Amino acid sequence: VFKRSTARVYYALMRALGAGGAPDDAGDYRLMSRATVEAVNALPEDH
């Protein structure tokens, strides 16, 4: 229950701050095209 509750709070907070875009309850399980991967790899940010 704690993990589900904190997940809801996390995604609600991200939407409130304008950092939404991903569906709720979508973690790091995803499939990406080569173009998407290259775009991610080209980003300069570290964390």
All heavy atoms as atom14 arrays in JSON, in Angstrom:
{
  "sequence": "VFKRSTARVYYALMRALGAGGAPDDAGDYRLMSRATVEAVNALPEDH",
  "atom14_mask": [
    [1, 1, 1, 1, 1, 1, 1, 0, 0, 0, 0, 0, 0, 0],
    [1, 1, 1, 1, 1, 1, 1, 1, 1, 1, 1, 0, 0, 0],
    [1, 1, 1, 1, 1, 1, 1, 1, 1, 0, 0, 0, 0, 0],
    [1, 1, 1, 1, 1, 1, 1, 1, 1, 1, 1, 0, 0, 0],
    [1, 1, 1, 1, 1, 1, 0, 0, 0, 0, 0, 0, 0, 0],
    [1, 1, 1, 1, 1, 1, 1, 0, 0, 0, 0, 0, 0, 0],
    [1, 1, 1, 1, 1, 0, 0, 0, 0, 0, 0, 0, 0, 0],
    [1, 1, 1, 1, 1, 1, 1, 1, 1, 1, 1, 0, 0, 0],
    [1, 1, 1, 1, 1, 1, 1, 0, 0, 0, 0, 0, 0, 0],
    [1, 1, 1, 1, 1, 1, 1, 1, 1, 1, 1, 1, 0, 0],
    [1, 1, 1, 1, 1, 1, 1, 1, 1, 1, 1, 1, 0, 0],
    [1, 1, 1, 1, 1, 0, 0, 0, 0, 0, 0, 0, 0, 0],
    [1, 1, 1, 1, 1, 1, 1, 1, 0, 0, 0, 0, 0, 0],
    [1, 1, 1, 1, 1, 1, 1, 1, 0, 0, 0, 0, 0, 0],
    [1, 1, 1, 1, 1, 1, 1, 1, 1, 1, 1, 0, 0, 0],
    [1, 1, 1, 1, 1, 0, 0, 0, 0, 0, 0, 0, 0, 0],
    [1, 1, 1, 1, 1, 1, 1, 1, 0, 0, 0, 0, 0, 0],
    [1, 1, 1, 1, 0, 0, 0, 0, 0, 0, 0, 0, 0, 0],
    [1, 1, 1, 1, 1, 0, 0, 0, 0, 0, 0, 0, 0, 0],
    [1, 1, 1, 1, 0, 0, 0, 0, 0, 0, 0, 0, 0, 0],
    [1, 1, 1, 1, 0, 0, 0, 0, 0, 0, 0, 0, 0, 0],
    [1, 1, 1, 1, 1, 0, 0, 0, 0, 0, 0, 0, 0, 0],
    [1, 1, 1, 1, 1, 1, 1, 0, 0, 0, 0, 0, 0, 0],
    [1, 1, 1, 1, 1, 1, 1, 1, 0, 0, 0, 0, 0, 0],
    [1, 1, 1, 1, 1, 1, 1, 1, 0, 0, 0, 0, 0, 0],
    [1, 1, 1, 1, 1, 0, 0, 0, 0, 0, 0, 0, 0, 0],
    [1, 1, 1, 1, 0, 0, 0, 0, 0, 0, 0, 0, 0, 0],
    [1, 1, 1, 1, 1, 1, 1, 1, 0, 0, 0, 0, 0, 0],
    [1, 1, 1, 1, 1, 1, 1, 1, 1, 1, 1, 1, 0, 0],
    [1, 1, 1, 1, 1, 1, 1, 1, 1, 1, 1, 0, 0, 0],
    [1, 1, 1, 1, 1, 1, 1, 1, 0, 0, 0, 0, 0, 0],
    [1, 1, 1, 1, 1, 1, 1, 1, 0, 0, 0, 0, 0, 0],
    [1, 1, 1, 1, 1, 1, 0, 0, 0, 0, 0, 0, 0, 0],
    [1, 1, 1, 1, 1, 1, 1, 1, 1, 1, 1, 0, 0, 0],
    [1, 1, 1, 1, 1, 0, 0, 0, 0, 0, 0, 0, 0, 0],
    [1, 1, 1, 1, 1, 1, 1, 0, 0, 0, 0, 0, 0, 0],
    [1, 1, 1, 1, 1, 1, 1, 0, 0, 0, 0, 0, 0, 0],
    [1, 1, 1, 1, 1, 1, 1, 1, 1, 0, 0, 0, 0, 0],
    [1, 1, 1, 1, 1, 0, 0, 0, 0, 0, 0, 0, 0, 0],
    [1, 1, 1, 1, 1, 1, 1, 0, 0, 0, 0, 0, 0, 0],
    [1, 1, 1, 1, 1, 1, 1, 1, 0, 0, 0, 0, 0, 0],
    [1, 1, 1, 1, 1, 0, 0, 0, 0, 0, 0, 0, 0, 0],
    [1, 1, 1, 1, 1, 1, 1, 1, 0, 0, 0, 0, 0, 0],
    [1, 1, 1, 1, 1, 1, 1, 0, 0, 0, 0, 0, 0, 0],
    [1, 1, 1, 1, 1, 1, 1, 1, 1, 0, 0, 0, 0, 0],
    [1, 1, 1, 1, 1, 1, 1, 1, 0, 0, 0, 0, 0, 0],
    [1, 1, 1, 1, 1, 1, 1, 1, 1, 1, 0, 0, 0, 0]
  ],
  "atom14_positions": [
    [[0.84, -1.2, 0.0], [0.0, 0.0, 0.0], [0.88, 1.25, 0.0], [0.58, 2.24, -0.69], [-0.93, 0.0, 1.22], [-1.71, 1.3, 1.31], [-1.88, -1.18, 1.17], [0.0, 0.0, 0.0], [0.0, 0.0, 0.0], [0.0, 0.0, 0.0], [0.0, 0.0, 0.0], [0.0, 0.0, 0.0], [0.0, 0.0, 0.0], [0.0, 0.0, 0.0]],
    [[1.97, 1.22, 0.76], [2.87, 2.36, 0.82], [3.46, 2.67, -0.56], [3.5, 3.83, -0.99], [3.99, 2.09, 1.81], [5.06, 3.16, 1.85], [4.83, 4.37, 2.49], [6.28, 2.96, 1.22], [5.8, 5.37, 2.51], [7.26, 3.95, 1.24], [7.01, 5.14, 1.89], [0.0, 0.0, 0.0], [0.0, 0.0, 0.0], [0.0, 0.0, 0.0]],
    [[3.88, 1.62, -1.28], [4.49, 1.84, -2.59], [3.48, 2.36, -3.59], [3.78, 3.25, -4.39], [5.13, 0.55, -3.09], [6.03, 0.75, -4.3], [6.89, -0.45, -4.57], [7.88, -0.17, -5.7], [8.77, -1.34, -5.95], [0.0, 0.0, 0.0], [0.0, 0.0, 0.0], [0.0, 0.0, 0.0], [0.0, 0.0, 0.0], [0.0, 0.0, 0.0]],
    [[2.27, 1.83, -3.56], [1.24, 2.31, -4.48], [0.89, 3.76, -4.17], [0.7, 4.58, -5.08], [-0.01, 1.43, -4.39], [0.19, 0.02, -4.91], [-1.15, -0.66, -5.18], [-1.99, -0.74, -4.0], [-1.98, -1.76, -3.14], [-1.16, -2.78, -3.34], [-2.78, -1.77, -2.09], [0.0, 0.0, 0.0], [0.0, 0.0, 0.0], [0.0, 0.0, 0.0]],
    [[0.81, 4.09, -2.88], [0.45, 5.45, -2.49], [1.53, 6.44, -2.89], [1.23, 7.51, -3.44], [0.21, 5.52, -0.98], [-0.82, 4.64, -0.59], [0.0, 0.0, 0.0], [0.0, 0.0, 0.0], [0.0, 0.0, 0.0], [0.0, 0.0, 0.0], [0.0, 0.0, 0.0], [0.0, 0.0, 0.0], [0.0, 0.0, 0.0], [0.0, 0.0, 0.0]],
    [[2.79, 6.11, -2.63], [3.88, 7.01, -2.99], [3.99, 7.17, -4.5], [4.35, 8.24, -4.99], [5.21, 6.52, -2.41], [5.44, 5.14, -2.8], [5.21, 6.61, -0.9], [0.0, 0.0, 0.0], [0.0, 0.0, 0.0], [0.0, 0.0, 0.0], [0.0, 0.0, 0.0], [0.0, 0.0, 0.0], [0.0, 0.0, 0.0], [0.0, 0.0, 0.0]],
    [[3.67, 6.11, -5.25], [3.7, 6.21, -6.72], [2.65, 7.2, -7.21], [2.92, 8.02, -8.11], [3.48, 4.84, -7.34], [0.0, 0.0, 0.0], [0.0, 0.0, 0.0], [0.0, 0.0, 0.0], [0.0, 0.0, 0.0], [0.0, 0.0, 0.0], [0.0, 0.0, 0.0], [0.0, 0.0, 0.0], [0.0, 0.0, 0.0], [0.0, 0.0, 0.0]],
    [[1.45, 7.14, -6.63], [0.4, 8.09, -7.03], [0.82, 9.53, -6.71], [0.6, 10.44, -7.5], [-0.91, 7.74, -6.34], [-1.62, 6.53, -6.92], [-3.05, 6.44, -6.43], [-3.11, 6.15, -5.0], [-3.18, 4.94, -4.48], [-3.19, 3.89, -5.29], [-3.25, 4.76, -3.17], [0.0, 0.0, 0.0], [0.0, 0.0, 0.0], [0.0, 0.0, 0.0]],
    [[1.41, 9.71, -5.52], [1.86, 11.05, -5.14], [2.95, 11.54, -6.09], [2.96, 12.7, -6.51], [2.38, 11.04, -3.68], [3.05, 12.37, -3.34], [1.23, 10.77, -2.72], [0.0, 0.0, 0.0], [0.0, 0.0, 0.0], [0.0, 0.0, 0.0], [0.0, 0.0, 0.0], [0.0, 0.0, 0.0], [0.0, 0.0, 0.0], [0.0, 0.0, 0.0]],
    [[3.87, 10.65, -6.46], [4.97, 11.01, -7.35], [4.44, 11.51, -8.7], [4.83, 12.59, -9.17], [5.88, 9.8, -7.55], [6.95, 9.99, -8.61], [8.14, 10.64, -8.3], [6.76, 9.52, -9.9], [9.12, 10.82, -9.27], [7.73, 9.7, -10.87], [8.91, 10.34, -10.55], [9.87, 10.52, -11.52], [0.0, 0.0, 0.0], [0.0, 0.0, 0.0]],
    [[3.56, 10.73, -9.32], [3.06, 11.13, -10.65], [2.18, 12.38, -10.56], [2.19, 13.21, -11.48], [2.3, 9.96, -11.29], [3.23, 8.88, -11.79], [3.32, 7.66, -11.14], [4.04, 9.09, -12.9], [4.18, 6.66, -11.59], [4.9, 8.1, -13.36], [4.96, 6.89, -12.7], [5.81, 5.92, -13.15], [0.0, 0.0, 0.0], [0.0, 0.0, 0.0]],
    [[1.42, 12.51, -9.47], [0.62, 13.73, -9.3], [1.52, 14.95, -9.16], [1.25, 16.02, -9.72], [-0.29, 13.59, -8.08], [0.0, 0.0, 0.0], [0.0, 0.0, 0.0], [0.0, 0.0, 0.0], [0.0, 0.0, 0.0], [0.0, 0.0, 0.0], [0.0, 0.0, 0.0], [0.0, 0.0, 0.0], [0.0, 0.0, 0.0], [0.0, 0.0, 0.0]],
    [[2.62, 14.8, -8.41], [3.57, 15.9, -8.24], [4.21, 16.27, -9.56], [4.36, 17.46, -9.89], [4.64, 15.5, -7.22], [5.77, 16.51, -6.97], [5.21, 17.81, -6.42], [6.81, 15.92, -6.02], [0.0, 0.0, 0.0], [0.0, 0.0, 0.0], [0.0, 0.0, 0.0], [0.0, 0.0, 0.0], [0.0, 0.0, 0.0], [0.0, 0.0, 0.0]],
    [[4.59, 15.28, -10.35], [5.22, 15.56, -11.64], [4.26, 16.29, -12.57], [4.65, 17.22, -13.28], [5.69, 14.26, -12.29], [6.85, 13.57, -11.58], [8.31, 14.62, -11.38], [8.17, 15.07, -9.64], [0.0, 0.0, 0.0], [0.0, 0.0, 0.0], [0.0, 0.0, 0.0], [0.0, 0.0, 0.0], [0.0, 0.0, 0.0], [0.0, 0.0, 0.0]],
    [[2.98, 15.88, -12.56], [2.0, 16.59, -13.4], [1.82, 18.02, -12.93], [1.72, 18.95, -13.74], [0.66, 15.85, -13.37], [0.63, 14.57, -14.16], [-0.8, 14.11, -14.38], [-1.5, 13.92, -13.12], [-1.51, 12.78, -12.43], [-0.86, 11.74, -12.89], [-2.17, 12.69, -11.28], [0.0, 0.0, 0.0], [0.0, 0.0, 0.0], [0.0, 0.0, 0.0]],
    [[1.78, 18.23, -11.62], [1.59, 19.58, -11.08], [2.75, 20.49, -11.45], [2.57, 21.7, -11.63], [1.43, 19.51, -9.56], [0.0, 0.0, 0.0], [0.0, 0.0, 0.0], [0.0, 0.0, 0.0], [0.0, 0.0, 0.0], [0.0, 0.0, 0.0], [0.0, 0.0, 0.0], [0.0, 0.0, 0.0], [0.0, 0.0, 0.0], [0.0, 0.0, 0.0]],
    [[3.95, 19.93, -11.56], [5.13, 20.72, -11.89], [5.37, 20.83, -13.39], [6.37, 21.39, -13.84], [6.37, 20.11, -11.23], [6.39, 20.15, -9.69], [7.63, 19.45, -9.17], [6.35, 21.59, -9.19], [0.0, 0.0, 0.0], [0.0, 0.0, 0.0], [0.0, 0.0, 0.0], [0.0, 0.0, 0.0], [0.0, 0.0, 0.0], [0.0, 0.0, 0.0]],
    [[4.44, 20.27, -14.17], [4.57, 20.38, -15.63], [5.56, 19.4, -16.22], [6.0, 19.58, -17.36], [0.0, 0.0, 0.0], [0.0, 0.0, 0.0], [0.0, 0.0, 0.0], [0.0, 0.0, 0.0], [0.0, 0.0, 0.0], [0.0, 0.0, 0.0], [0.0, 0.0, 0.0], [0.0, 0.0, 0.0], [0.0, 0.0, 0.0], [0.0, 0.0, 0.0]],
    [[5.9, 18.34, -15.48], [6.85, 17.35, -15.98], [6.14, 16.05, -16.33], [6.75, 14.99, -16.33], [7.93, 17.08, -14.94], [0.0, 0.0, 0.0], [0.0, 0.0, 0.0], [0.0, 0.0, 0.0], [0.0, 0.0, 0.0], [0.0, 0.0, 0.0], [0.0, 0.0, 0.0], [0.0, 0.0, 0.0], [0.0, 0.0, 0.0], [0.0, 0.0, 0.0]],
    [[4.85, 16.15, -16.62], [4.1, 14.95, -16.98], [4.39, 14.53, -18.41], [5.32, 15.0, -19.06], [0.0, 0.0, 0.0], [0.0, 0.0, 0.0], [0.0, 0.0, 0.0], [0.0, 0.0, 0.0], [0.0, 0.0, 0.0], [0.0, 0.0, 0.0], [0.0, 0.0, 0.0], [0.0, 0.0, 0.0], [0.0, 0.0, 0.0], [0.0, 0.0, 0.0]],
    [[3.55, 13.67, -18.93], [3.73, 13.17, -20.29], [3.67, 11.67, -20.34], [3.08, 11.09, -21.26], [0.0, 0.0, 0.0], [0.0, 0.0, 0.0], [0.0, 0.0, 0.0], [0.0, 0.0, 0.0], [0.0, 0.0, 0.0], [0.0, 0.0, 0.0], [0.0, 0.0, 0.0], [0.0, 0.0, 0.0], [0.0, 0.0, 0.0], [0.0, 0.0, 0.0]],
    [[4.28, 11.02, -19.37], [4.21, 9.57, -19.3], [2.91, 9.16, -18.65], [2.4, 9.84, -17.75], [5.39, 9.01, -18.51], [0.0, 0.0, 0.0], [0.0, 0.0, 0.0], [0.0, 0.0, 0.0], [0.0, 0.0, 0.0], [0.0, 0.0, 0.0], [0.0, 0.0, 0.0], [0.0, 0.0, 0.0], [0.0, 0.0, 0.0], [0.0, 0.0, 0.0]],
    [[2.32, 8.04, -19.07], [1.1, 7.57, -18.41], [1.38, 7.24, -16.95], [2.49, 6.85, -16.59], [0.74, 6.31, -19.22], [1.51, 6.4, -20.49], [2.75, 7.17, -20.18], [0.0, 0.0, 0.0], [0.0, 0.0, 0.0], [0.0, 0.0, 0.0], [0.0, 0.0, 0.0], [0.0, 0.0, 0.0], [0.0, 0.0, 0.0], [0.0, 0.0, 0.0]],
    [[0.36, 7.39, -16.11], [0.49, 6.96, -14.73], [0.79, 5.47, -14.68], [0.31, 4.7, -15.53], [-0.79, 7.26, -13.95], [-0.93, 8.73, -13.63], [-0.02, 9.51, -13.99], [-1.96, 9.12, -13.04], [0.0, 0.0, 0.0], [0.0, 0.0, 0.0], [0.0, 0.0, 0.0], [0.0, 0.0, 0.0], [0.0, 0.0, 0.0], [0.0, 0.0, 0.0]],
    [[1.56, 5.05, -13.69], [1.93, 3.65, -13.51], [2.77, 3.11, -14.66], [2.79, 1.9, -14.9], [0.68, 2.77, -13.32], [-0.02, 3.05, -12.0], [0.68, 3.26, -10.99], [-1.26, 3.09, -11.98], [0.0, 0.0, 0.0], [0.0, 0.0, 0.0], [0.0, 0.0, 0.0], [0.0, 0.0, 0.0], [0.0, 0.0, 0.0], [0.0, 0.0, 0.0]],
    [[3.45, 4.01, -15.36], [4.42, 3.59, -16.37], [5.8, 3.86, -15.79], [6.21, 5.01, -15.64], [4.23, 4.36, -17.67], [0.0, 0.0, 0.0], [0.0, 0.0, 0.0], [0.0, 0.0, 0.0], [0.0, 0.0, 0.0], [0.0, 0.0, 0.0], [0.0, 0.0, 0.0], [0.0, 0.0, 0.0], [0.0, 0.0, 0.0], [0.0, 0.0, 0.0]],
    [[6.53, 2.82, -15.43], [7.84, 2.98, -14.84], [8.93, 2.99, -15.89], [8.9, 3.75, -16.86], [0.0, 0.0, 0.0], [0.0, 0.0, 0.0], [0.0, 0.0, 0.0], [0.0, 0.0, 0.0], [0.0, 0.0, 0.0], [0.0, 0.0, 0.0], [0.0, 0.0, 0.0], [0.0, 0.0, 0.0], [0.0, 0.0, 0.0], [0.0, 0.0, 0.0]],
    [[9.9, 2.09, -15.74], [11.02, 2.02, -16.69], [10.92, 0.83, -17.62], [11.91, 0.43, -18.23], [12.35, 1.97, -15.92], [12.69, 3.31, -15.29], [12.62, 4.32, -16.01], [13.01, 3.36, -14.09], [0.0, 0.0, 0.0], [0.0, 0.0, 0.0], [0.0, 0.0, 0.0], [0.0, 0.0, 0.0], [0.0, 0.0, 0.0], [0.0, 0.0, 0.0]],
    [[9.74, 0.25, -17.73], [9.51, -0.84, -18.68], [8.93, -0.23, -19.94], [7.76, 0.14, -19.99], [8.55, -1.86, -18.06], [8.43, -3.16, -18.82], [9.39, -3.59, -19.71], [7.32, -3.98, -18.61], [9.28, -4.8, -20.38], [7.19, -5.2, -19.27], [8.17, -5.6, -20.15], [8.05, -6.8, -20.81], [0.0, 0.0, 0.0], [0.0, 0.0, 0.0]],
    [[9.75, -0.12, -20.98], [9.3, 0.5, -22.22], [10.12, -0.02, -23.39], [11.23, -0.54, -23.22], [9.44, 2.03, -22.14], [10.86, 2.51, -22.15], [10.96, 4.01, -22.01], [10.63, 4.46, -20.69], [11.5, 4.46, -19.67], [12.73, 4.02, -19.85], [11.14, 4.88, -18.48], [0.0, 0.0, 0.0], [0.0, 0.0, 0.0], [0.0, 0.0, 0.0]],
    [[9.58, 0.16, -24.57], [10.29, -0.13, -25.82], [10.49, 1.17, -26.57], [9.58, 2.0, -26.64], [9.5, -1.13, -26.66], [10.1, -1.48, -28.03], [9.92, -2.97, -28.34], [9.48, -0.66, -29.16], [0.0, 0.0, 0.0], [0.0, 0.0, 0.0], [0.0, 0.0, 0.0], [0.0, 0.0, 0.0], [0.0, 0.0, 0.0], [0.0, 0.0, 0.0]],
    [[11.7, 1.36, -27.12], [12.03, 2.59, -27.82], [12.66, 2.28, -29.18], [13.39, 1.29, -29.32], [13.01, 3.44, -27.0], [12.45, 3.95, -25.69], [13.72, 4.77, -24.68], [14.61, 3.33, -24.07], [0.0, 0.0, 0.0], [0.0, 0.0, 0.0], [0.0, 0.0, 0.0], [0.0, 0.0, 0.0], [0.0, 0.0, 0.0], [0.0, 0.0, 0.0]],
    [[12.39, 3.12, -30.14], [13.03, 3.0, -31.45], [14.47, 3.46, -31.37], [14.88, 4.14, -30.41], [12.27, 3.83, -32.48], [12.42, 5.22, -32.19], [0.0, 0.0, 0.0], [0.0, 0.0, 0.0], [0.0, 0.0, 0.0], [0.0, 0.0, 0.0], [0.0, 0.0, 0.0], [0.0, 0.0, 0.0], [0.0, 0.0, 0.0], [0.0, 0.0, 0.0]],
    [[15.24, 3.13, -32.39], [16.64, 3.57, -32.43], [16.72, 5.09, -32.41], [17.59, 5.68, -31.75], [17.3, 3.0, -33.7], [18.66, 3.57, -34.07], [19.67, 3.56, -32.97], [19.81, 2.28, -32.3], [20.55, 2.07, -31.23], [21.18, 3.11, -30.65], [20.62, 0.89, -30.68], [0.0, 0.0, 0.0], [0.0, 0.0, 0.0], [0.0, 0.0, 0.0]],
    [[15.79, 5.77, -33.1], [15.8, 7.23, -33.12], [15.6, 7.8, -31.71], [16.25, 8.78, -31.32], [14.71, 7.76, -34.05], [0.0, 0.0, 0.0], [0.0, 0.0, 0.0], [0.0, 0.0, 0.0], [0.0, 0.0, 0.0], [0.0, 0.0, 0.0], [0.0, 0.0, 0.0], [0.0, 0.0, 0.0], [0.0, 0.0, 0.0], [0.0, 0.0, 0.0]],
    [[14.72, 7.17, -30.93], [14.48, 7.63, -29.56], [15.72, 7.42, -28.7], [16.11, 8.31, -27.93], [13.29, 6.87, -28.95], [12.16, 6.97, -29.82], [12.93, 7.44, -27.59], [0.0, 0.0, 0.0], [0.0, 0.0, 0.0], [0.0, 0.0, 0.0], [0.0, 0.0, 0.0], [0.0, 0.0, 0.0], [0.0, 0.0, 0.0], [0.0, 0.0, 0.0]],
    [[16.33, 6.26, -28.83], [17.53, 5.96, -28.03], [18.65, 6.93, -28.36], [19.34, 7.43, -27.46], [17.97, 4.5, -28.27], [19.31, 4.22, -27.58], [16.92, 3.54, -27.74], [0.0, 0.0, 0.0], [0.0, 0.0, 0.0], [0.0, 0.0, 0.0], [0.0, 0.0, 0.0], [0.0, 0.0, 0.0], [0.0, 0.0, 0.0], [0.0, 0.0, 0.0]],
    [[18.84, 7.22, -29.63], [19.89, 8.16, -30.01], [19.61, 9.55, -29.46], [20.53, 10.27, -29.05], [20.03, 8.21, -31.54], [20.49, 6.91, -32.19], [21.92, 6.56, -31.85], [22.63, 7.39, -31.23], [22.34, 5.43, -32.17], [0.0, 0.0, 0.0], [0.0, 0.0, 0.0], [0.0, 0.0, 0.0], [0.0, 0.0, 0.0], [0.0, 0.0, 0.0]],
    [[18.33, 9.92, -29.44], [17.97, 11.24, -28.89], [18.26, 11.29, -27.39], [18.76, 12.29, -26.87], [16.5, 11.53, -29.16], [0.0, 0.0, 0.0], [0.0, 0.0, 0.0], [0.0, 0.0, 0.0], [0.0, 0.0, 0.0], [0.0, 0.0, 0.0], [0.0, 0.0, 0.0], [0.0, 0.0, 0.0], [0.0, 0.0, 0.0], [0.0, 0.0, 0.0]],
    [[17.95, 10.21, -26.67], [18.23, 10.16, -25.23], [19.73, 10.22, -24.98], [20.22, 10.95, -24.11], [17.63, 8.88, -24.61], [18.11, 8.71, -23.17], [16.11, 8.94, -24.65], [0.0, 0.0, 0.0], [0.0, 0.0, 0.0], [0.0, 0.0, 0.0], [0.0, 0.0, 0.0], [0.0, 0.0, 0.0], [0.0, 0.0, 0.0], [0.0, 0.0, 0.0]],
    [[20.49, 9.44, -25.76], [21.94, 9.4, -25.57], [22.61, 10.74, -25.87], [23.69, 11.03, -25.35], [22.56, 8.32, -26.46], [22.2, 6.92, -26.0], [21.81, 6.7, -24.86], [22.31, 5.95, -26.91], [0.0, 0.0, 0.0], [0.0, 0.0, 0.0], [0.0, 0.0, 0.0], [0.0, 0.0, 0.0], [0.0, 0.0, 0.0], [0.0, 0.0, 0.0]],
    [[21.97, 11.55, -26.71], [22.55, 12.84, -27.09], [22.31, 13.92, -26.04], [22.93, 14.99, -26.11], [21.98, 13.3, -28.43], [0.0, 0.0, 0.0], [0.0, 0.0, 0.0], [0.0, 0.0, 0.0], [0.0, 0.0, 0.0], [0.0, 0.0, 0.0], [0.0, 0.0, 0.0], [0.0, 0.0, 0.0], [0.0, 0.0, 0.0], [0.0, 0.0, 0.0]],
    [[21.44, 13.66, -25.07], [21.15, 14.67, -24.05], [22.38, 14.89, -23.17], [23.05, 13.93, -22.78], [19.97, 14.24, -23.21], [18.62, 14.13, -23.93], [17.57, 13.55, -23.01], [18.18, 15.49, -24.44], [0.0, 0.0, 0.0], [0.0, 0.0, 0.0], [0.0, 0.0, 0.0], [0.0, 0.0, 0.0], [0.0, 0.0, 0.0], [0.0, 0.0, 0.0]],
    [[22.68, 16.13, -22.81], [23.89, 16.41, -22.03], [23.75, 16.18, -20.54], [24.75, 16.11, -19.83], [24.14, 17.9, -22.31], [22.77, 18.46, -22.56], [22.0, 17.36, -23.25], [0.0, 0.0, 0.0], [0.0, 0.0, 0.0], [0.0, 0.0, 0.0], [0.0, 0.0, 0.0], [0.0, 0.0, 0.0], [0.0, 0.0, 0.0], [0.0, 0.0, 0.0]],
    [[22.53, 16.07, -20.02], [22.35, 15.97, -18.58], [22.85, 14.64, -18.05], [22.78, 13.61, -18.73], [20.88, 16.17, -18.22], [19.93, 15.16, -18.84], [18.49, 15.54, -18.61], [18.02, 15.4, -17.47], [17.83, 15.96, -19.58], [0.0, 0.0, 0.0], [0.0, 0.0, 0.0], [0.0, 0.0, 0.0], [0.0, 0.0, 0.0], [0.0, 0.0, 0.0]],
    [[23.35, 14.67, -16.81], [23.94, 13.47, -16.2], [22.93, 12.7, -15.36], [22.76, 11.51, -15.54], [25.15, 13.87, -15.35], [26.27, 14.45, -16.19], [26.48, 13.93, -17.3], [26.92, 15.41, -15.74], [0.0, 0.0, 0.0], [0.0, 0.0, 0.0], [0.0, 0.0, 0.0], [0.0, 0.0, 0.0], [0.0, 0.0, 0.0], [0.0, 0.0, 0.0]],
    [[22.27, 13.36, -14.42], [21.37, 12.68, -13.5], [19.97, 12.61, -14.1], [19.0, 13.12, -13.53], [21.36, 13.4, -12.15], [22.7, 13.49, -11.52], [23.31, 12.41, -10.93], [23.56, 14.53, -11.4], [24.5, 12.78, -10.46], [24.67, 14.06, -10.73], [0.0, 0.0, 0.0], [0.0, 0.0, 0.0], [0.0, 0.0, 0.0], [0.0, 0.0, 0.0]]
  ]
}
